Amino acid sequence: LHSFPTRRSSDLVSPLVATILLLFLAIGLGVIVMNWGRSQVEAASTCAVNIGFTVVELNEIQEVCYAGRGADGYIHFIVENGPSIDIDGIQLSIIGTKKIYNLELKDKIKTGYSLLKDIPYDFDNFGDIRQIKILPKIVLYEGEDALLCAEQALVLEDIRSC
């Protein structure tokens, strides 16, 4: 007699389990690649939007100046947002002859609007102003943290007295 091989139940389960495992592996790899790709795109296009952030000029003179001396000094400036996206805040770096003064302003500037600000500046502690860098912060997607747009910073030198 010739005997035919019989199929065992484990022989039928193996291809099914292998298919399910391959499916889960493909889904897991897809999720990992999509998350990595999204983070790469966000990192590369931090400020893909041209904000149009500028210092206001009155009579062809930039509206950035300082007043006072010593601990009672202040810096006056007016900036304007462009038509593209709301600005969620501003980061200032003021380079003095003695120290650097870093400051974050939570003021929001809607598209097309301006912001006038007087900020205290201690000349005794930080020294004379050599440069002011104003960096806008924007929110690209609802619910995410504000991104600093360093490539669209306003760098101002030769700051005049008010």
N, C-alpha and C. Protein backbone atom coordinates (compact mmCIF):
# COMPACT_ATOMS: atom_id res chain seq x y z
N LEU A 1 0.80 -1.17 0.00
CA LEU A 1 0.00 0.00 0.00
C LEU A 1 0.85 1.24 0.00
N HIS A 2 0.35 2.09 -0.73
CA HIS A 2 1.02 3.38 -0.79
C HIS A 2 0.31 4.34 0.16
N SER A 3 1.07 5.02 0.99
CA SER A 3 0.40 5.97 1.91
C SER A 3 0.63 7.40 1.42
N PHE A 4 -0.45 8.20 1.46
CA PHE A 4 -0.36 9.60 1.09
C PHE A 4 -0.07 10.43 2.32
N PRO A 5 0.75 11.46 2.16
CA PRO A 5 1.02 12.28 3.34
C PRO A 5 -0.24 13.02 3.76
N THR A 6 -0.46 13.04 5.01
CA THR A 6 -1.62 13.75 5.54
C THR A 6 -1.19 15.14 6.00
N ARG A 7 -2.11 16.04 5.87
CA ARG A 7 -1.81 17.41 6.29
C ARG A 7 -2.13 17.55 7.75
N ARG A 8 -1.21 18.14 8.44
CA ARG A 8 -1.45 18.41 9.84
C ARG A 8 -1.99 19.83 9.98
N SER A 9 -2.66 20.13 11.07
CA SER A 9 -3.23 21.47 11.27
C SER A 9 -2.13 22.52 11.39
N SER A 10 -0.95 22.15 11.89
CA SER A 10 0.15 23.11 12.02
C SER A 10 0.67 23.53 10.65
N ASP A 11 0.54 22.66 9.64
CA ASP A 11 0.97 23.02 8.29
C ASP A 11 0.08 24.11 7.70
N LEU A 12 -1.20 24.13 8.06
CA LEU A 12 -2.13 25.14 7.56
C LEU A 12 -1.99 26.46 8.30
N VAL A 13 -1.61 26.45 9.54
CA VAL A 13 -1.52 27.65 10.35
C VAL A 13 -0.26 28.45 10.00
N SER A 14 0.82 27.81 9.68
CA SER A 14 2.08 28.50 9.41
C SER A 14 1.98 29.54 8.31
N PRO A 15 1.40 29.26 7.16
CA PRO A 15 1.28 30.31 6.14
C PRO A 15 0.39 31.47 6.59
N LEU A 16 -0.65 31.17 7.35
CA LEU A 16 -1.53 32.22 7.85
C LEU A 16 -0.81 33.12 8.86
N VAL A 17 -0.09 32.51 9.78
CA VAL A 17 0.68 33.28 10.78
C VAL A 17 1.78 34.09 10.09
N ALA A 18 2.43 33.51 9.13
CA ALA A 18 3.49 34.21 8.40
C ALA A 18 2.92 35.42 7.65
N THR A 19 1.75 35.26 7.04
CA THR A 19 1.12 36.37 6.32
C THR A 19 0.76 37.50 7.27
N ILE A 20 0.19 37.15 8.41
CA ILE A 20 -0.18 38.18 9.41
C ILE A 20 1.06 38.89 9.94
N LEU A 21 2.10 38.14 10.23
CA LEU A 21 3.35 38.76 10.71
C LEU A 21 3.95 39.70 9.67
N LEU A 22 3.94 39.30 8.42
CA LEU A 22 4.45 40.16 7.35
C LEU A 22 3.61 41.42 7.20
N LEU A 23 2.30 41.28 7.35
CA LEU A 23 1.41 42.43 7.26
C LEU A 23 1.71 43.42 8.39
N PHE A 24 1.83 42.94 9.62
CA PHE A 24 2.15 43.83 10.75
C PHE A 24 3.53 44.46 10.60
N LEU A 25 4.47 43.71 10.09
CA LEU A 25 5.82 44.25 9.86
C LEU A 25 5.77 45.38 8.82
N ALA A 26 5.02 45.18 7.74
CA ALA A 26 4.90 46.22 6.70
C ALA A 26 4.22 47.47 7.26
N ILE A 27 3.17 47.29 8.05
CA ILE A 27 2.48 48.45 8.64
C ILE A 27 3.40 49.18 9.61
N GLY A 28 4.12 48.44 10.45
CA GLY A 28 5.06 49.06 11.40
C GLY A 28 6.15 49.84 10.71
N LEU A 29 6.73 49.27 9.66
CA LEU A 29 7.76 49.99 8.90
C LEU A 29 7.19 51.22 8.22
N GLY A 30 5.96 51.11 7.71
CA GLY A 30 5.31 52.26 7.07
C GLY A 30 5.11 53.41 8.04
N VAL A 31 4.67 53.10 9.27
CA VAL A 31 4.47 54.13 10.29
C VAL A 31 5.80 54.79 10.65
N ILE A 32 6.84 53.99 10.81
CA ILE A 32 8.16 54.54 11.16
C ILE A 32 8.67 55.46 10.05
N VAL A 33 8.57 55.03 8.80
CA VAL A 33 9.05 55.83 7.68
C VAL A 33 8.25 57.12 7.54
N MET A 34 6.92 57.06 7.71
CA MET A 34 6.09 58.25 7.60
C MET A 34 6.42 59.27 8.69
N ASN A 35 6.61 58.81 9.92
CA ASN A 35 6.96 59.73 11.02
C ASN A 35 8.34 60.34 10.79
N TRP A 36 9.29 59.54 10.35
CA TRP A 36 10.63 60.06 10.08
C TRP A 36 10.57 61.09 8.94
N GLY A 37 9.82 60.77 7.89
CA GLY A 37 9.70 61.69 6.76
C GLY A 37 9.06 63.01 7.17
N ARG A 38 8.03 62.95 8.01
CA ARG A 38 7.36 64.18 8.46
C ARG A 38 8.32 65.05 9.27
N SER A 39 9.09 64.43 10.15
CA SER A 39 10.04 65.21 10.96
C SER A 39 11.13 65.82 10.09
N GLN A 40 11.56 65.10 9.05
CA GLN A 40 12.57 65.64 8.14
C GLN A 40 12.03 66.83 7.34
N VAL A 41 10.79 66.74 6.89
CA VAL A 41 10.18 67.83 6.13
C VAL A 41 10.00 69.05 7.02
N GLU A 42 9.53 68.85 8.26
CA GLU A 42 9.35 69.97 9.17
C GLU A 42 10.68 70.62 9.52
N ALA A 43 11.72 69.82 9.71
CA ALA A 43 13.03 70.38 10.04
C ALA A 43 13.60 71.16 8.86
N ALA A 44 13.39 70.67 7.67
CA ALA A 44 13.93 71.34 6.48
C ALA A 44 13.15 72.58 6.10
N SER A 45 11.87 72.60 6.41
CA SER A 45 11.03 73.73 6.01
C SER A 45 10.47 74.45 7.22
N THR A 46 11.31 74.72 8.19
CA THR A 46 10.86 75.38 9.40
C THR A 46 10.10 76.64 9.07
N CYS A 47 10.60 77.43 8.20
CA CYS A 47 9.92 78.67 7.81
C CYS A 47 9.83 78.73 6.29
N ALA A 48 9.17 77.75 5.72
CA ALA A 48 8.99 77.74 4.28
C ALA A 48 8.10 78.89 3.84
N VAL A 49 7.32 79.42 4.77
CA VAL A 49 6.45 80.56 4.49
C VAL A 49 7.28 81.84 4.56
N ASN A 50 7.18 82.68 3.53
CA ASN A 50 7.83 83.97 3.58
C ASN A 50 6.95 84.90 4.41
N ILE A 51 7.39 85.19 5.63
CA ILE A 51 6.57 85.94 6.57
C ILE A 51 6.40 87.39 6.12
N GLY A 52 7.43 88.00 5.60
CA GLY A 52 7.35 89.42 5.24
C GLY A 52 7.51 90.31 6.46
N PHE A 53 8.26 89.84 7.44
CA PHE A 53 8.50 90.53 8.71
C PHE A 53 9.51 91.65 8.48
N THR A 54 9.15 92.90 8.81
CA THR A 54 10.04 94.04 8.57
C THR A 54 9.99 95.04 9.72
N VAL A 55 10.99 95.91 9.74
CA VAL A 55 10.99 97.05 10.65
C VAL A 55 10.30 98.20 9.93
N VAL A 56 9.41 98.88 10.62
CA VAL A 56 8.69 100.00 10.02
C VAL A 56 9.65 101.16 9.80
N GLU A 57 9.52 101.81 8.66
CA GLU A 57 10.33 103.00 8.36
C GLU A 57 9.42 104.21 8.32
N LEU A 58 9.81 105.27 9.03
CA LEU A 58 9.11 106.54 8.99
C LEU A 58 10.06 107.58 8.43
N ASN A 59 9.66 108.21 7.34
CA ASN A 59 10.52 109.17 6.64
C ASN A 59 11.87 108.54 6.28
N GLU A 60 11.81 107.29 5.81
CA GLU A 60 12.97 106.53 5.36
C GLU A 60 13.98 106.25 6.47
N ILE A 61 13.55 106.31 7.73
CA ILE A 61 14.40 105.99 8.88
C ILE A 61 13.77 104.82 9.62
N GLN A 62 14.57 103.76 9.83
CA GLN A 62 14.05 102.60 10.56
C GLN A 62 13.64 102.99 11.97
N GLU A 63 12.50 102.51 12.38
CA GLU A 63 11.95 102.87 13.68
C GLU A 63 12.48 101.93 14.76
N VAL A 64 13.79 102.04 15.00
CA VAL A 64 14.47 101.33 16.08
C VAL A 64 15.45 102.32 16.69
N CYS A 65 15.31 102.55 18.01
CA CYS A 65 16.21 103.50 18.66
C CYS A 65 16.28 103.18 20.15
N TYR A 66 17.21 103.83 20.82
CA TYR A 66 17.34 103.66 22.27
C TYR A 66 17.24 105.03 22.94
N ALA A 67 16.86 105.01 24.20
CA ALA A 67 16.78 106.26 24.97
C ALA A 67 17.20 105.96 26.40
N GLY A 68 17.57 107.02 27.09
CA GLY A 68 18.01 106.86 28.48
C GLY A 68 19.41 106.30 28.56
N ARG A 69 19.96 106.31 29.72
CA ARG A 69 21.29 105.74 29.97
C ARG A 69 21.22 104.99 31.29
N GLY A 70 22.25 104.24 31.58
CA GLY A 70 22.30 103.52 32.83
C GLY A 70 21.22 102.45 32.91
N ALA A 71 20.70 102.25 34.13
CA ALA A 71 19.70 101.21 34.35
C ALA A 71 18.31 101.62 33.87
N ASP A 72 18.11 102.91 33.57
CA ASP A 72 16.80 103.40 33.15
C ASP A 72 16.64 103.48 31.63
N GLY A 73 17.51 102.83 30.88
CA GLY A 73 17.43 102.90 29.43
C GLY A 73 16.33 102.01 28.88
N TYR A 74 15.99 102.24 27.64
CA TYR A 74 15.03 101.37 26.96
C TYR A 74 15.28 101.41 25.46
N ILE A 75 14.75 100.39 24.78
CA ILE A 75 14.85 100.30 23.33
C ILE A 75 13.43 100.39 22.77
N HIS A 76 13.28 101.24 21.78
CA HIS A 76 11.98 101.46 21.14
C HIS A 76 12.06 100.89 19.72
N PHE A 77 11.03 100.10 19.33
CA PHE A 77 11.00 99.61 17.95
C PHE A 77 9.56 99.38 17.50
N ILE A 78 9.37 99.43 16.18
CA ILE A 78 8.09 99.09 15.57
C ILE A 78 8.38 98.09 14.45
N VAL A 79 7.74 96.92 14.53
CA VAL A 79 7.87 95.90 13.49
C VAL A 79 6.51 95.64 12.88
N GLU A 80 6.53 95.13 11.66
CA GLU A 80 5.29 94.89 10.93
C GLU A 80 5.30 93.48 10.37
N ASN A 81 4.16 92.80 10.50
CA ASN A 81 4.02 91.47 9.95
C ASN A 81 3.51 91.56 8.51
N GLY A 82 3.92 90.62 7.69
CA GLY A 82 3.48 90.58 6.30
C GLY A 82 2.11 89.93 6.15
N PRO A 83 1.73 89.60 4.92
CA PRO A 83 0.38 89.09 4.67
C PRO A 83 0.22 87.57 4.76
N SER A 84 1.28 86.83 5.09
CA SER A 84 1.24 85.38 4.96
C SER A 84 0.70 84.62 6.16
N ILE A 85 1.23 84.90 7.36
CA ILE A 85 0.93 84.08 8.53
C ILE A 85 1.05 84.93 9.79
N ASP A 86 0.26 84.61 10.81
CA ASP A 86 0.36 85.32 12.08
C ASP A 86 1.68 84.99 12.76
N ILE A 87 2.25 85.98 13.45
CA ILE A 87 3.45 85.77 14.24
C ILE A 87 3.01 85.52 15.68
N ASP A 88 3.52 84.44 16.25
CA ASP A 88 3.09 84.00 17.58
C ASP A 88 3.91 84.62 18.71
N GLY A 89 5.05 85.17 18.40
CA GLY A 89 5.92 85.79 19.40
C GLY A 89 7.20 86.26 18.75
N ILE A 90 8.02 86.92 19.55
CA ILE A 90 9.29 87.47 19.05
C ILE A 90 10.39 87.14 20.04
N GLN A 91 11.54 86.76 19.53
CA GLN A 91 12.72 86.57 20.37
C GLN A 91 13.73 87.65 20.00
N LEU A 92 14.25 88.32 21.00
CA LEU A 92 15.24 89.39 20.79
C LEU A 92 16.59 88.96 21.34
N SER A 93 17.63 89.26 20.60
CA SER A 93 19.00 89.12 21.07
C SER A 93 19.67 90.47 20.88
N ILE A 94 20.00 91.11 21.98
CA ILE A 94 20.62 92.43 21.93
C ILE A 94 22.07 92.25 22.37
N ILE A 95 22.97 92.49 21.44
CA ILE A 95 24.39 92.33 21.72
C ILE A 95 24.93 93.66 22.19
N GLY A 96 25.34 93.68 23.44
CA GLY A 96 25.94 94.88 24.01
C GLY A 96 27.45 94.74 24.05
N THR A 97 28.12 95.80 24.45
CA THR A 97 29.59 95.76 24.52
C THR A 97 30.07 94.94 25.71
N LYS A 98 29.20 94.71 26.71
CA LYS A 98 29.59 93.93 27.89
C LYS A 98 28.98 92.53 27.90
N LYS A 99 27.70 92.42 27.56
CA LYS A 99 26.98 91.15 27.61
C LYS A 99 25.92 91.11 26.53
N ILE A 100 25.33 89.92 26.37
CA ILE A 100 24.20 89.75 25.44
C ILE A 100 22.92 89.63 26.26
N TYR A 101 21.91 90.38 25.85
CA TYR A 101 20.61 90.40 26.51
C TYR A 101 19.61 89.65 25.62
N ASN A 102 19.13 88.50 26.10
CA ASN A 102 18.14 87.71 25.37
C ASN A 102 16.79 87.87 26.03
N LEU A 103 15.78 88.04 25.20
CA LEU A 103 14.44 88.32 25.71
C LEU A 103 13.42 87.71 24.77
N GLU A 104 12.37 87.12 25.34
CA GLU A 104 11.29 86.58 24.53
C GLU A 104 10.01 87.35 24.82
N LEU A 105 9.38 87.84 23.75
CA LEU A 105 8.13 88.58 23.87
C LEU A 105 7.00 87.69 23.40
N LYS A 106 5.94 87.62 24.17
CA LYS A 106 4.79 86.77 23.85
C LYS A 106 3.75 87.48 22.98
N ASP A 107 4.04 88.71 22.57
CA ASP A 107 3.09 89.48 21.77
C ASP A 107 2.83 88.79 20.44
N LYS A 108 1.56 88.65 20.09
CA LYS A 108 1.17 88.08 18.81
C LYS A 108 0.91 89.22 17.83
N ILE A 109 1.31 89.01 16.58
CA ILE A 109 1.09 90.02 15.53
C ILE A 109 0.31 89.35 14.41
N LYS A 110 -0.90 89.78 14.19
CA LYS A 110 -1.72 89.23 13.11
C LYS A 110 -1.18 89.68 11.76
N THR A 111 -1.55 88.96 10.72
CA THR A 111 -1.08 89.31 9.38
C THR A 111 -1.47 90.74 9.04
N GLY A 112 -0.50 91.50 8.54
CA GLY A 112 -0.73 92.88 8.14
C GLY A 112 -0.70 93.89 9.27
N TYR A 113 -0.53 93.46 10.51
CA TYR A 113 -0.53 94.37 11.65
C TYR A 113 0.89 94.70 12.07
N SER A 114 1.00 95.74 12.93
CA SER A 114 2.30 96.19 13.45
C SER A 114 2.33 96.07 14.96
N LEU A 115 3.52 96.10 15.50
CA LEU A 115 3.72 96.06 16.95
C LEU A 115 4.70 97.15 17.34
N LEU A 116 4.30 98.03 18.25
CA LEU A 116 5.18 99.06 18.81
C LEU A 116 5.54 98.60 20.21
N LYS A 117 6.83 98.59 20.52
CA LYS A 117 7.27 98.07 21.81
C LYS A 117 8.41 98.91 22.36
N ASP A 118 8.37 99.18 23.65
CA ASP A 118 9.48 99.78 24.39
C ASP A 118 9.91 98.75 25.43
N ILE A 119 11.16 98.29 25.32
CA ILE A 119 11.63 97.30 26.27
C ILE A 119 12.76 97.89 27.11
N PRO A 120 12.76 97.61 28.41
CA PRO A 120 13.82 98.14 29.27
C PRO A 120 15.19 97.54 28.89
N TYR A 121 16.21 98.39 28.97
CA TYR A 121 17.57 97.93 28.67
C TYR A 121 18.52 98.60 29.66
N ASP A 122 19.28 97.78 30.36
CA ASP A 122 20.21 98.25 31.38
C ASP A 122 21.60 98.46 30.74
N PHE A 123 21.91 99.71 30.41
CA PHE A 123 23.19 100.03 29.78
C PHE A 123 24.37 99.74 30.71
N ASP A 124 24.17 99.91 32.03
CA ASP A 124 25.25 99.64 33.00
C ASP A 124 25.62 98.16 32.97
N ASN A 125 24.64 97.28 32.84
CA ASN A 125 24.88 95.85 32.88
C ASN A 125 25.33 95.27 31.53
N PHE A 126 24.70 95.71 30.44
CA PHE A 126 24.95 95.12 29.12
C PHE A 126 25.87 95.94 28.22
N GLY A 127 26.04 97.22 28.52
CA GLY A 127 26.90 98.08 27.71
C GLY A 127 26.15 98.70 26.54
N ASP A 128 26.88 99.43 25.71
CA ASP A 128 26.29 100.07 24.54
C ASP A 128 25.81 99.01 23.54
N ILE A 129 24.77 99.33 22.81
CA ILE A 129 24.18 98.38 21.86
C ILE A 129 25.02 98.30 20.59
N ARG A 130 25.44 97.09 20.24
CA ARG A 130 26.18 96.86 19.01
C ARG A 130 25.29 96.29 17.91
N GLN A 131 24.33 95.41 18.31
CA GLN A 131 23.46 94.79 17.32
C GLN A 131 22.18 94.31 18.00
N ILE A 132 21.08 94.39 17.27
CA ILE A 132 19.80 93.84 17.73
C ILE A 132 19.33 92.85 16.68
N LYS A 133 19.00 91.64 17.13
CA LYS A 133 18.46 90.63 16.23
C LYS A 133 17.04 90.32 16.71
N ILE A 134 16.07 90.47 15.81
CA ILE A 134 14.66 90.22 16.13
C ILE A 134 14.21 89.02 15.31
N LEU A 135 13.85 87.93 16.02
CA LEU A 135 13.46 86.69 15.35
C LEU A 135 11.97 86.42 15.56
N PRO A 136 11.22 86.22 14.47
CA PRO A 136 9.80 85.90 14.61
C PRO A 136 9.59 84.42 14.93
N LYS A 137 8.50 84.13 15.64
CA LYS A 137 8.10 82.76 15.94
C LYS A 137 6.71 82.55 15.35
N ILE A 138 6.53 81.42 14.66
CA ILE A 138 5.24 81.13 14.04
C ILE A 138 4.78 79.72 14.42
N VAL A 139 3.49 79.48 14.30
CA VAL A 139 2.91 78.15 14.49
C VAL A 139 2.42 77.69 13.12
N LEU A 140 3.03 76.63 12.59
CA LEU A 140 2.64 76.12 11.27
C LEU A 140 1.36 75.30 11.34
N TYR A 141 1.25 74.44 12.35
CA TYR A 141 0.10 73.56 12.48
C TYR A 141 -0.55 73.77 13.84
N GLU A 142 -1.87 73.83 13.85
CA GLU A 142 -2.64 74.01 15.09
C GLU A 142 -2.23 72.97 16.13
N GLY A 143 -1.99 73.43 17.34
CA GLY A 143 -1.64 72.52 18.43
C GLY A 143 -0.16 72.24 18.57
N GLU A 144 0.67 72.68 17.64
CA GLU A 144 2.11 72.45 17.75
C GLU A 144 2.80 73.66 18.36
N ASP A 145 4.02 73.47 18.81
CA ASP A 145 4.79 74.56 19.40
C ASP A 145 5.22 75.56 18.33
N ALA A 146 5.46 76.79 18.78
CA ALA A 146 5.91 77.84 17.87
C ALA A 146 7.33 77.53 17.39
N LEU A 147 7.59 77.79 16.12
CA LEU A 147 8.90 77.58 15.52
C LEU A 147 9.62 78.90 15.37
N LEU A 148 10.89 78.92 15.69
CA LEU A 148 11.72 80.11 15.56
C LEU A 148 12.22 80.21 14.12
N CYS A 149 11.97 81.33 13.48
CA CYS A 149 12.36 81.52 12.08
C CYS A 149 13.67 82.32 12.01
N ALA A 150 14.76 81.65 12.27
CA ALA A 150 16.06 82.31 12.32
C ALA A 150 16.47 82.86 10.96
N GLU A 151 16.09 82.18 9.88
CA GLU A 151 16.49 82.65 8.55
C GLU A 151 15.75 83.91 8.11
N GLN A 152 14.69 84.30 8.85
CA GLN A 152 13.97 85.51 8.52
C GLN A 152 14.12 86.58 9.62
N ALA A 153 15.20 86.46 10.36
CA ALA A 153 15.47 87.42 11.44
C ALA A 153 15.81 88.79 10.88
N LEU A 154 15.47 89.81 11.65
CA LEU A 154 15.86 91.18 11.33
C LEU A 154 17.12 91.49 12.13
N VAL A 155 18.19 91.82 11.45
CA VAL A 155 19.46 92.14 12.11
C VAL A 155 19.71 93.62 11.92
N LEU A 156 19.79 94.34 13.04
CA LEU A 156 19.90 95.80 13.00
C LEU A 156 21.19 96.24 13.69
N GLU A 157 21.91 97.12 13.03
CA GLU A 157 23.15 97.66 13.59
C GLU A 157 23.09 99.19 13.49
N ASP A 158 24.02 99.86 14.09
CA ASP A 158 24.05 101.32 14.12
C ASP A 158 22.72 101.87 14.63
N ILE A 159 22.34 101.43 15.81
CA ILE A 159 21.08 101.86 16.42
C ILE A 159 21.24 103.32 16.89
N ARG A 160 20.31 104.15 16.47
CA ARG A 160 20.37 105.58 16.79
C ARG A 160 19.70 105.88 18.13
N SER A 161 20.00 107.05 18.65
CA SER A 161 19.34 107.54 19.85
C SER A 161 17.99 108.12 19.45
N CYS A 162 16.97 107.92 20.30
CA CYS A 162 15.61 108.42 19.99
C CYS A 162 15.56 109.94 20.15
